[in-house]
């Protein structure tokens, strides 16, 4: 009898960011892919940033759900994922930095 399947994905540091100039740039709702992520998030889509995954990649993040990579992070974070929490600064602080499983959805 075969044992359980090995966990899929990889443990990565996952942080959160907000659509404020202090955390992004002078156009905090416009992501690296050129779309308005504030509007996308308001419509219910989960957005994330990652330098290691191509724009448009779908990621399943443990404890968060599935998001679309639409943005990039500072170059000093080549392996992280940053989840977009729009104006929810308290939620982003509460999320903090977590080492959790991230899976690319094919």
Protein backbone atom coordinates (compact mmCIF):
# COMPACT_ATOMS: atom_id res chain seq x y z
CA UNK A 1 0.00 0.00 0.00
CA UNK A 2 1.34 3.42 -0.95
CA UNK A 3 1.80 6.04 1.72
CA UNK A 4 0.39 9.55 1.59
CA UNK A 5 1.45 11.76 -1.28
CA UNK A 6 4.29 14.13 -0.44
CA UNK A 7 3.23 17.75 0.15
CA UNK A 8 3.23 19.81 -3.00
CA UNK A 9 4.74 23.25 -3.27
CA UNK A 10 7.53 24.83 -1.31
CA UNK A 11 7.87 26.58 2.03
CA UNK A 12 8.44 30.28 1.41
CA UNK A 13 8.25 33.50 3.37
CA UNK A 14 4.91 35.17 2.65
CA UNK A 15 4.36 38.80 3.64
CA UNK A 16 1.57 41.29 2.87
CA UNK A 17 1.47 44.74 1.31
CA UNK A 18 -0.99 47.58 0.86
CA UNK A 19 -1.87 50.07 -1.87
CA UNK A 20 -0.21 53.06 -0.26
CA UNK A 21 2.68 55.08 -1.73
CA UNK A 22 4.88 54.38 1.29
CA UNK A 23 4.87 50.67 0.40
CA UNK A 24 4.78 50.89 -3.40
CA UNK A 25 5.28 53.99 -5.52
CA UNK A 26 3.28 57.04 -6.59
CA UNK A 27 0.71 54.81 -8.38
CA UNK A 28 -0.02 52.18 -5.72
CA UNK A 29 -3.00 50.60 -7.50
CA UNK A 30 -1.12 49.98 -10.76
CA UNK A 31 0.76 46.69 -10.65
CA UNK A 32 3.77 45.55 -12.66
CA UNK A 33 1.40 43.94 -15.17
CA UNK A 34 -0.17 47.36 -15.84
CA UNK A 35 -3.58 46.54 -14.34
CA UNK A 36 -5.44 48.27 -11.53
CA UNK A 37 -5.13 45.74 -8.70
CA UNK A 38 -7.31 47.83 -6.38
CA UNK A 39 -10.23 47.30 -8.78
CA UNK A 40 -9.38 43.64 -9.24
CA UNK A 41 -9.26 43.10 -5.47
CA UNK A 42 -12.56 44.98 -5.02
CA UNK A 43 -14.09 42.53 -7.52
CA UNK A 44 -12.93 39.64 -5.31
CA UNK A 45 -9.70 38.57 -6.98
CA UNK A 46 -6.71 37.80 -4.77
CA UNK A 47 -3.50 39.39 -6.04
CA UNK A 48 0.09 38.71 -5.07
CA UNK A 49 3.62 39.78 -5.97
CA UNK A 50 6.55 37.44 -6.56
CA UNK A 51 9.81 37.89 -8.46
CA UNK A 52 10.40 34.16 -8.97
CA UNK A 53 7.09 33.43 -10.77
CA UNK A 54 5.98 34.79 -14.15
CA UNK A 55 3.26 37.44 -14.20
CA UNK A 56 -0.11 35.69 -14.45
CA UNK A 57 0.99 32.61 -12.46
CA UNK A 58 -1.63 31.30 -10.05
CA UNK A 59 -0.35 30.43 -6.57
CA UNK A 60 -2.09 28.53 -3.77
CA UNK A 61 -0.92 29.96 -0.45
CA UNK A 62 -1.53 28.00 2.73
CA UNK A 63 -3.97 29.87 4.96
CA UNK A 64 -4.73 32.52 2.34
CA UNK A 65 -6.08 30.88 -0.82
CA UNK A 66 -5.32 31.22 -4.50
CA UNK A 67 -3.89 34.42 -5.95
CA UNK A 68 -2.63 35.70 -9.28
CA UNK A 69 0.90 37.10 -9.58
CA UNK A 70 0.36 40.62 -10.95
CA UNK A 71 3.12 42.56 -9.25
CA UNK A 72 6.81 42.44 -8.39
CA UNK A 73 8.74 42.96 -5.16
CA UNK A 74 11.97 44.73 -4.31
CA UNK A 75 14.90 42.80 -5.82
CA UNK A 76 16.22 41.99 -2.35
CA UNK A 77 13.34 39.47 -1.94
CA UNK A 78 13.89 37.02 -4.80
CA UNK A 79 12.10 34.04 -3.21
CA UNK A 80 9.24 35.64 -1.25
CA UNK A 81 5.57 36.13 -2.01
CA UNK A 82 3.74 39.32 -1.01
CA UNK A 83 -0.06 39.15 -0.79
CA UNK A 84 -2.04 42.26 -1.66
CA UNK A 85 -4.34 43.56 1.08
CA UNK A 86 -5.33 46.88 -0.56
CA UNK A 87 -6.00 49.41 2.26
CA UNK A 88 -6.17 46.85 5.11
CA UNK A 89 -3.02 47.95 6.93
CA UNK A 90 -4.09 46.22 10.14
CA UNK A 91 -4.61 42.95 8.28
CA UNK A 92 -1.17 43.20 6.68
CA UNK A 93 0.48 43.83 10.03
CA UNK A 94 -1.47 40.97 11.58
CA UNK A 95 -0.36 38.67 8.73
CA UNK A 96 3.29 39.57 9.32
CA UNK A 97 5.90 37.31 7.74
CA UNK A 98 4.97 33.63 7.66
CA UNK A 99 6.98 30.64 6.50
CA UNK A 100 4.25 28.62 4.78
CA UNK A 101 3.61 26.37 1.81
CA UNK A 102 3.18 27.99 -1.61
CA UNK A 103 2.16 25.89 -4.59
CA UNK A 104 2.14 26.86 -8.27
CA UNK A 105 -1.18 25.88 -9.85
CA UNK A 106 -0.77 24.57 -13.35
